[in-house]
Amino acid sequence: MKKFFACMAALMIAQPLSAADPIAGRWITEERDAVIQIGSCGQSLCGKIVKFLVAPPQGKNQRDVNNADPAKRNRKLMGMPVLTGLDEESDLWRGEIYDPKSGKTYRSVIRRKSANVLEVKGCVGPFCQTQNWRKAS
C-alpha cells in the first residue's frame, strides 16, 4: 500500500495539476487562408501571420487597409500580430484577436482541443464566434 501512495505522489509531482496544453506552434486558420505562428512575445504569447495560403487582394504586400486607426493602415499584414496578450488561465488562454478583414479587435479565448486542433474564439460581450484552427505541418 505504501508503494501505491508513493507512486501516486510521484505522478502528481511530475505533472502540473492545472497546466493547459501548449498552444505555441504554426496553425492554419479555419478559412485556410493563412498560417499563424503562435509563440512568446515578452510576458505573454502572440500569434503572427507568417504565410498566406490564399493571396490577399493586393498580394503578399497587402497592407492593413481596413484598420479603424488611419495610422495603422500602412502596416503590412505579413508578420503582423493578429493574436496578442495571450495569458494562460487554467486550460485556456485569454487575450485579443484582430481581424484584418474587418479591421476590428475582439476579446479572444483559445483552447487546445487536441494535438492538431486549436479552438479560437473572438468575442464581443457574451457573444462569441468560434473557429477551429488545424496544426500546420
N, C-alpha and C. Protein backbone atom coordinates (compact mmCIF):
# COMPACT_ATOMS: atom_id res chain seq x y z
N MET A 1 0.82 -1.19 0.00
CA MET A 1 0.00 0.00 0.00
C MET A 1 0.87 1.26 0.00
N LYS A 2 1.99 1.24 0.74
CA LYS A 2 2.89 2.39 0.77
C LYS A 2 3.44 2.68 -0.62
N LYS A 3 3.75 1.60 -1.37
CA LYS A 3 4.28 1.78 -2.72
C LYS A 3 3.24 2.46 -3.63
N PHE A 4 1.98 2.10 -3.46
CA PHE A 4 0.91 2.71 -4.26
C PHE A 4 0.85 4.21 -4.01
N PHE A 5 0.85 4.64 -2.75
CA PHE A 5 0.80 6.06 -2.43
C PHE A 5 2.05 6.79 -2.89
N ALA A 6 3.19 6.12 -2.81
CA ALA A 6 4.44 6.72 -3.27
C ALA A 6 4.39 6.95 -4.79
N CYS A 7 3.85 5.99 -5.52
CA CYS A 7 3.72 6.12 -6.98
C CYS A 7 2.74 7.25 -7.33
N MET A 8 1.63 7.31 -6.63
CA MET A 8 0.63 8.36 -6.88
C MET A 8 1.22 9.74 -6.60
N ALA A 9 1.96 9.86 -5.52
CA ALA A 9 2.58 11.14 -5.17
C ALA A 9 3.59 11.54 -6.24
N ALA A 10 4.37 10.58 -6.73
CA ALA A 10 5.36 10.87 -7.77
C ALA A 10 4.68 11.35 -9.05
N LEU A 11 3.57 10.73 -9.42
CA LEU A 11 2.83 11.15 -10.61
C LEU A 11 2.27 12.55 -10.45
N MET A 12 1.76 12.87 -9.29
CA MET A 12 1.18 14.19 -9.06
C MET A 12 2.25 15.27 -9.10
N ILE A 13 3.43 14.97 -8.62
CA ILE A 13 4.53 15.94 -8.64
C ILE A 13 5.05 16.11 -10.07
N ALA A 14 5.09 15.05 -10.84
CA ALA A 14 5.66 15.09 -12.19
C ALA A 14 4.81 15.87 -13.18
N GLN A 15 3.51 15.97 -12.96
CA GLN A 15 2.61 16.66 -13.88
C GLN A 15 1.91 17.80 -13.18
N PRO A 16 2.00 19.02 -13.75
CA PRO A 16 1.26 20.13 -13.15
C PRO A 16 -0.23 19.85 -13.16
N LEU A 17 -0.92 20.24 -12.10
CA LEU A 17 -2.34 19.93 -11.98
C LEU A 17 -3.22 20.72 -12.93
N SER A 18 -2.91 22.00 -13.17
CA SER A 18 -3.83 22.80 -13.97
C SER A 18 -3.20 23.38 -15.22
N ALA A 19 -2.05 22.85 -15.64
CA ALA A 19 -1.38 23.42 -16.81
C ALA A 19 -2.15 23.05 -18.07
N ALA A 20 -2.36 24.03 -18.91
CA ALA A 20 -3.04 23.81 -20.18
C ALA A 20 -2.06 23.25 -21.20
N ASP A 21 -2.58 22.53 -22.19
CA ASP A 21 -1.73 22.07 -23.27
C ASP A 21 -1.18 23.29 -24.00
N PRO A 22 0.09 23.25 -24.37
CA PRO A 22 0.68 24.42 -25.03
C PRO A 22 0.01 24.70 -26.37
N ILE A 23 -0.07 25.98 -26.72
CA ILE A 23 -0.68 26.37 -27.99
C ILE A 23 0.35 26.91 -28.97
N ALA A 24 1.61 26.99 -28.54
CA ALA A 24 2.66 27.50 -29.42
C ALA A 24 2.80 26.60 -30.63
N GLY A 25 3.09 27.21 -31.76
CA GLY A 25 3.29 26.46 -33.00
C GLY A 25 2.65 27.17 -34.16
N ARG A 26 2.60 26.47 -35.28
CA ARG A 26 2.04 27.02 -36.52
C ARG A 26 0.65 26.43 -36.75
N TRP A 27 -0.33 27.32 -37.00
CA TRP A 27 -1.74 26.90 -37.12
C TRP A 27 -2.35 27.48 -38.39
N ILE A 28 -3.12 26.66 -39.10
CA ILE A 28 -3.84 27.08 -40.30
C ILE A 28 -5.23 27.55 -39.87
N THR A 29 -5.61 28.75 -40.30
CA THR A 29 -6.91 29.30 -39.94
C THR A 29 -8.03 28.44 -40.51
N GLU A 30 -9.21 28.55 -39.93
CA GLU A 30 -10.35 27.75 -40.38
C GLU A 30 -10.68 28.01 -41.85
N GLU A 31 -10.51 29.25 -42.28
CA GLU A 31 -10.78 29.59 -43.68
C GLU A 31 -9.69 29.11 -44.63
N ARG A 32 -8.62 28.55 -44.06
CA ARG A 32 -7.48 28.04 -44.82
C ARG A 32 -6.85 29.11 -45.71
N ASP A 33 -6.80 30.33 -45.18
CA ASP A 33 -6.22 31.41 -45.98
C ASP A 33 -4.87 31.90 -45.45
N ALA A 34 -4.49 31.47 -44.23
CA ALA A 34 -3.21 31.93 -43.66
C ALA A 34 -2.71 30.95 -42.60
N VAL A 35 -1.40 31.04 -42.35
CA VAL A 35 -0.77 30.30 -41.26
C VAL A 35 -0.37 31.31 -40.20
N ILE A 36 -0.73 31.02 -38.95
CA ILE A 36 -0.44 31.88 -37.81
C ILE A 36 0.58 31.17 -36.93
N GLN A 37 1.68 31.85 -36.63
CA GLN A 37 2.71 31.31 -35.74
C GLN A 37 2.47 31.88 -34.35
N ILE A 38 2.16 31.00 -33.38
CA ILE A 38 1.95 31.42 -32.00
C ILE A 38 3.22 31.13 -31.21
N GLY A 39 3.69 32.14 -30.50
CA GLY A 39 4.89 32.00 -29.71
C GLY A 39 5.01 33.13 -28.70
N SER A 40 6.13 33.14 -28.02
CA SER A 40 6.37 34.12 -26.96
C SER A 40 6.56 35.52 -27.53
N CYS A 41 5.92 36.47 -26.87
CA CYS A 41 6.07 37.90 -27.18
C CYS A 41 6.22 38.63 -25.85
N GLY A 42 7.39 38.53 -25.26
CA GLY A 42 7.59 39.14 -23.95
C GLY A 42 6.96 38.31 -22.86
N GLN A 43 6.09 38.93 -22.07
CA GLN A 43 5.47 38.26 -20.93
C GLN A 43 4.29 37.37 -21.31
N SER A 44 3.80 37.46 -22.54
CA SER A 44 2.63 36.68 -22.96
C SER A 44 2.92 36.05 -24.32
N LEU A 45 1.91 35.38 -24.87
CA LEU A 45 2.01 34.80 -26.21
C LEU A 45 1.31 35.70 -27.21
N CYS A 46 1.74 35.60 -28.46
CA CYS A 46 1.04 36.29 -29.54
C CYS A 46 1.07 35.39 -30.76
N GLY A 47 0.26 35.72 -31.74
CA GLY A 47 0.21 34.97 -32.98
C GLY A 47 0.33 35.90 -34.17
N LYS A 48 1.30 35.62 -35.05
CA LYS A 48 1.57 36.48 -36.21
C LYS A 48 1.30 35.73 -37.50
N ILE A 49 0.88 36.47 -38.51
CA ILE A 49 0.70 35.91 -39.85
C ILE A 49 2.09 35.63 -40.42
N VAL A 50 2.36 34.36 -40.75
CA VAL A 50 3.67 34.01 -41.30
C VAL A 50 3.59 33.50 -42.74
N LYS A 51 2.37 33.20 -43.21
CA LYS A 51 2.23 32.70 -44.58
C LYS A 51 0.80 32.89 -45.03
N PHE A 52 0.64 33.34 -46.28
CA PHE A 52 -0.68 33.39 -46.89
C PHE A 52 -0.88 32.12 -47.70
N LEU A 53 -1.98 31.43 -47.48
CA LEU A 53 -2.33 30.27 -48.29
C LEU A 53 -3.22 30.69 -49.45
N VAL A 54 -3.91 31.81 -49.27
CA VAL A 54 -4.70 32.45 -50.33
C VAL A 54 -4.21 33.89 -50.37
N ALA A 55 -3.73 34.30 -51.52
CA ALA A 55 -3.18 35.65 -51.63
C ALA A 55 -4.26 36.70 -51.37
N PRO A 56 -3.95 37.70 -50.52
CA PRO A 56 -4.90 38.80 -50.30
C PRO A 56 -5.05 39.63 -51.58
N PRO A 57 -6.07 40.49 -51.65
CA PRO A 57 -6.34 41.26 -52.88
C PRO A 57 -5.14 42.03 -53.42
N GLN A 58 -4.30 42.56 -52.55
CA GLN A 58 -3.15 43.33 -53.01
C GLN A 58 -1.85 42.53 -52.95
N GLY A 59 -1.96 41.19 -52.91
CA GLY A 59 -0.78 40.34 -52.92
C GLY A 59 -0.13 40.21 -51.56
N LYS A 60 1.09 39.64 -51.57
CA LYS A 60 1.77 39.35 -50.30
C LYS A 60 2.18 40.61 -49.54
N ASN A 61 2.18 41.76 -50.18
CA ASN A 61 2.50 43.01 -49.51
C ASN A 61 1.25 43.77 -49.08
N GLN A 62 0.13 43.04 -48.97
CA GLN A 62 -1.15 43.63 -48.54
C GLN A 62 -0.96 44.45 -47.27
N ARG A 63 -1.55 45.62 -47.24
CA ARG A 63 -1.49 46.50 -46.06
C ARG A 63 -2.77 46.34 -45.25
N ASP A 64 -2.74 46.83 -44.05
CA ASP A 64 -3.86 46.73 -43.11
C ASP A 64 -4.88 47.83 -43.40
N VAL A 65 -5.43 47.83 -44.62
CA VAL A 65 -6.27 48.92 -45.12
C VAL A 65 -7.61 49.07 -44.40
N ASN A 66 -8.07 48.04 -43.72
CA ASN A 66 -9.37 48.09 -43.04
C ASN A 66 -9.28 48.53 -41.58
N ASN A 67 -8.08 48.81 -41.10
CA ASN A 67 -7.91 49.18 -39.69
C ASN A 67 -8.64 50.48 -39.40
N ALA A 68 -9.32 50.51 -38.25
CA ALA A 68 -10.06 51.71 -37.85
C ALA A 68 -9.12 52.88 -37.55
N ASP A 69 -7.86 52.57 -37.21
CA ASP A 69 -6.87 53.60 -36.91
C ASP A 69 -6.10 53.93 -38.20
N PRO A 70 -6.32 55.13 -38.76
CA PRO A 70 -5.64 55.51 -40.00
C PRO A 70 -4.12 55.39 -39.93
N ALA A 71 -3.54 55.57 -38.76
CA ALA A 71 -2.08 55.49 -38.61
C ALA A 71 -1.57 54.06 -38.82
N LYS A 72 -2.44 53.05 -38.70
CA LYS A 72 -2.02 51.65 -38.85
C LYS A 72 -2.34 51.07 -40.23
N ARG A 73 -2.96 51.83 -41.09
CA ARG A 73 -3.42 51.29 -42.37
C ARG A 73 -2.28 51.01 -43.36
N ASN A 74 -1.09 51.48 -43.07
CA ASN A 74 0.02 51.26 -43.99
C ASN A 74 0.90 50.08 -43.57
N ARG A 75 0.62 49.45 -42.42
CA ARG A 75 1.46 48.33 -42.00
C ARG A 75 1.11 47.07 -42.79
N LYS A 76 2.12 46.26 -43.05
CA LYS A 76 1.93 45.01 -43.80
C LYS A 76 1.23 43.97 -42.94
N LEU A 77 0.36 43.18 -43.57
CA LEU A 77 -0.29 42.08 -42.85
C LEU A 77 0.71 40.96 -42.54
N MET A 78 1.62 40.70 -43.48
CA MET A 78 2.60 39.63 -43.26
C MET A 78 3.47 40.00 -42.07
N GLY A 79 3.51 39.13 -41.08
CA GLY A 79 4.30 39.36 -39.88
C GLY A 79 3.56 40.12 -38.79
N MET A 80 2.35 40.59 -39.11
CA MET A 80 1.58 41.37 -38.15
C MET A 80 0.93 40.45 -37.11
N PRO A 81 0.96 40.84 -35.83
CA PRO A 81 0.27 40.05 -34.82
C PRO A 81 -1.25 40.16 -34.97
N VAL A 82 -1.93 39.03 -35.01
CA VAL A 82 -3.40 39.01 -35.01
C VAL A 82 -3.92 38.49 -33.67
N LEU A 83 -3.07 37.81 -32.92
CA LEU A 83 -3.38 37.39 -31.54
C LEU A 83 -2.38 38.11 -30.64
N THR A 84 -2.88 38.77 -29.60
CA THR A 84 -1.98 39.50 -28.71
C THR A 84 -2.39 39.30 -27.24
N GLY A 85 -1.40 39.46 -26.37
CA GLY A 85 -1.65 39.43 -24.93
C GLY A 85 -2.23 38.14 -24.40
N LEU A 86 -1.86 37.01 -25.01
CA LEU A 86 -2.43 35.73 -24.58
C LEU A 86 -1.78 35.26 -23.29
N ASP A 87 -2.57 35.18 -22.24
CA ASP A 87 -2.11 34.71 -20.94
C ASP A 87 -2.85 33.45 -20.57
N GLU A 88 -2.12 32.48 -20.01
CA GLU A 88 -2.70 31.20 -19.63
C GLU A 88 -3.58 31.34 -18.39
N GLU A 89 -4.74 30.69 -18.46
CA GLU A 89 -5.67 30.67 -17.34
C GLU A 89 -6.31 29.29 -17.29
N SER A 90 -5.84 28.44 -16.42
CA SER A 90 -6.32 27.08 -16.28
C SER A 90 -6.10 26.31 -17.58
N ASP A 91 -7.15 25.94 -18.30
CA ASP A 91 -6.98 25.15 -19.53
C ASP A 91 -7.19 25.98 -20.79
N LEU A 92 -7.03 27.31 -20.69
CA LEU A 92 -7.20 28.16 -21.86
C LEU A 92 -6.30 29.38 -21.79
N TRP A 93 -6.30 30.15 -22.87
CA TRP A 93 -5.54 31.39 -22.95
C TRP A 93 -6.51 32.50 -23.28
N ARG A 94 -6.32 33.65 -22.66
CA ARG A 94 -7.17 34.82 -22.91
C ARG A 94 -6.30 35.96 -23.42
N GLY A 95 -6.84 36.70 -24.37
CA GLY A 95 -6.13 37.85 -24.93
C GLY A 95 -7.05 38.56 -25.90
N GLU A 96 -6.47 39.02 -27.01
CA GLU A 96 -7.25 39.69 -28.05
C GLU A 96 -6.92 39.10 -29.41
N ILE A 97 -7.91 39.17 -30.31
CA ILE A 97 -7.72 38.74 -31.69
C ILE A 97 -8.13 39.89 -32.61
N TYR A 98 -7.30 40.13 -33.62
CA TYR A 98 -7.56 41.19 -34.59
C TYR A 98 -7.95 40.54 -35.91
N ASP A 99 -9.02 41.02 -36.51
CA ASP A 99 -9.48 40.53 -37.81
C ASP A 99 -9.12 41.55 -38.88
N PRO A 100 -8.09 41.29 -39.69
CA PRO A 100 -7.69 42.26 -40.72
C PRO A 100 -8.76 42.49 -41.79
N LYS A 101 -9.67 41.53 -41.97
CA LYS A 101 -10.72 41.70 -42.98
C LYS A 101 -11.74 42.75 -42.57
N SER A 102 -12.01 42.86 -41.27
CA SER A 102 -12.97 43.85 -40.78
C SER A 102 -12.29 45.05 -40.14
N GLY A 103 -11.03 44.87 -39.75
CA GLY A 103 -10.31 45.93 -39.06
C GLY A 103 -10.69 46.07 -37.60
N LYS A 104 -11.30 45.02 -37.04
CA LYS A 104 -11.78 45.08 -35.66
C LYS A 104 -11.01 44.13 -34.76
N THR A 105 -10.92 44.51 -33.48
CA THR A 105 -10.27 43.70 -32.46
C THR A 105 -11.33 43.20 -31.49
N TYR A 106 -11.19 41.92 -31.11
CA TYR A 106 -12.15 41.28 -30.22
C TYR A 106 -11.43 40.63 -29.04
N ARG A 107 -12.16 40.40 -27.97
CA ARG A 107 -11.65 39.60 -26.86
C ARG A 107 -11.52 38.17 -27.39
N SER A 108 -10.46 37.48 -26.99
CA SER A 108 -10.23 36.13 -27.50
C SER A 108 -10.04 35.12 -26.37
N VAL A 109 -10.56 33.93 -26.61
CA VAL A 109 -10.37 32.79 -25.70
C VAL A 109 -9.92 31.62 -26.58
N ILE A 110 -8.80 31.02 -26.22
CA ILE A 110 -8.23 29.94 -27.03
C ILE A 110 -8.04 28.72 -26.15
N ARG A 111 -8.38 27.56 -26.73
CA ARG A 111 -8.26 26.29 -26.00
C ARG A 111 -7.72 25.24 -26.97
N ARG A 112 -6.82 24.41 -26.47
CA ARG A 112 -6.28 23.29 -27.26
C ARG A 112 -7.27 22.15 -27.15
N LYS A 113 -7.94 21.80 -28.26
CA LYS A 113 -8.94 20.72 -28.24
C LYS A 113 -8.29 19.35 -28.40
N SER A 114 -7.21 19.29 -29.18
CA SER A 114 -6.47 18.04 -29.38
C SER A 114 -5.08 18.42 -29.86
N ALA A 115 -4.28 17.41 -30.17
CA ALA A 115 -2.91 17.68 -30.63
C ALA A 115 -2.91 18.50 -31.92
N ASN A 116 -3.97 18.38 -32.71
CA ASN A 116 -3.99 19.03 -34.02
C ASN A 116 -5.07 20.09 -34.19
N VAL A 117 -5.82 20.40 -33.14
CA VAL A 117 -6.92 21.36 -33.26
C VAL A 117 -6.86 22.39 -32.15
N LEU A 118 -6.96 23.65 -32.55
CA LEU A 118 -6.99 24.78 -31.63
C LEU A 118 -8.34 25.47 -31.79
N GLU A 119 -9.08 25.62 -30.69
CA GLU A 119 -10.36 26.32 -30.71
C GLU A 119 -10.08 27.80 -30.42
N VAL A 120 -10.42 28.65 -31.39
CA VAL A 120 -10.15 30.09 -31.28
C VAL A 120 -11.47 30.83 -31.30
N LYS A 121 -11.74 31.59 -30.23
CA LYS A 121 -12.98 32.36 -30.13
C LYS A 121 -12.67 33.85 -30.16
N GLY A 122 -13.50 34.59 -30.90
CA GLY A 122 -13.49 36.04 -30.87
C GLY A 122 -14.81 36.48 -30.28
N CYS A 123 -14.77 37.35 -29.26
CA CYS A 123 -15.99 37.66 -28.52
C CYS A 123 -16.23 39.16 -28.39
N VAL A 124 -17.52 39.53 -28.45
CA VAL A 124 -17.99 40.87 -28.13
C VAL A 124 -19.05 40.66 -27.06
N GLY A 125 -18.76 41.15 -25.85
CA GLY A 125 -19.69 40.90 -24.75
C GLY A 125 -19.85 39.41 -24.56
N PRO A 126 -21.08 38.92 -24.39
CA PRO A 126 -21.28 37.50 -24.17
C PRO A 126 -21.33 36.68 -25.46
N PHE A 127 -21.25 37.35 -26.61
CA PHE A 127 -21.39 36.66 -27.89
C PHE A 127 -20.02 36.35 -28.48
N CYS A 128 -19.83 35.08 -28.86
CA CYS A 128 -18.54 34.64 -29.41
C CYS A 128 -18.75 33.90 -30.72
N GLN A 129 -17.75 34.03 -31.59
CA GLN A 129 -17.71 33.24 -32.82
C GLN A 129 -16.50 32.33 -32.68
N THR A 130 -16.70 31.04 -32.95
CA THR A 130 -15.65 30.04 -32.75
C THR A 130 -15.14 29.52 -34.08
N GLN A 131 -13.81 29.37 -34.16
CA GLN A 131 -13.17 28.74 -35.30
C GLN A 131 -12.27 27.63 -34.76
N ASN A 132 -12.07 26.60 -35.57
CA ASN A 132 -11.11 25.55 -35.27
C ASN A 132 -9.94 25.66 -36.22
N TRP A 133 -8.77 25.93 -35.67
CA TRP A 133 -7.56 26.02 -36.46
C TRP A 133 -6.84 24.70 -36.40
N ARG A 134 -6.25 24.28 -37.52
CA ARG A 134 -5.56 23.00 -37.61
C ARG A 134 -4.05 23.21 -37.56
N LYS A 135 -3.37 22.25 -36.97
CA LYS A 135 -1.91 22.27 -36.88
C LYS A 135 -1.30 22.26 -38.28
N ALA A 136 -0.37 23.17 -38.54
CA ALA A 136 0.31 23.20 -39.84
C ALA A 136 1.50 22.25 -39.79
N SER A 137 1.79 21.63 -40.91
CA SER A 137 2.93 20.70 -40.93
C SER A 137 4.21 21.41 -41.27
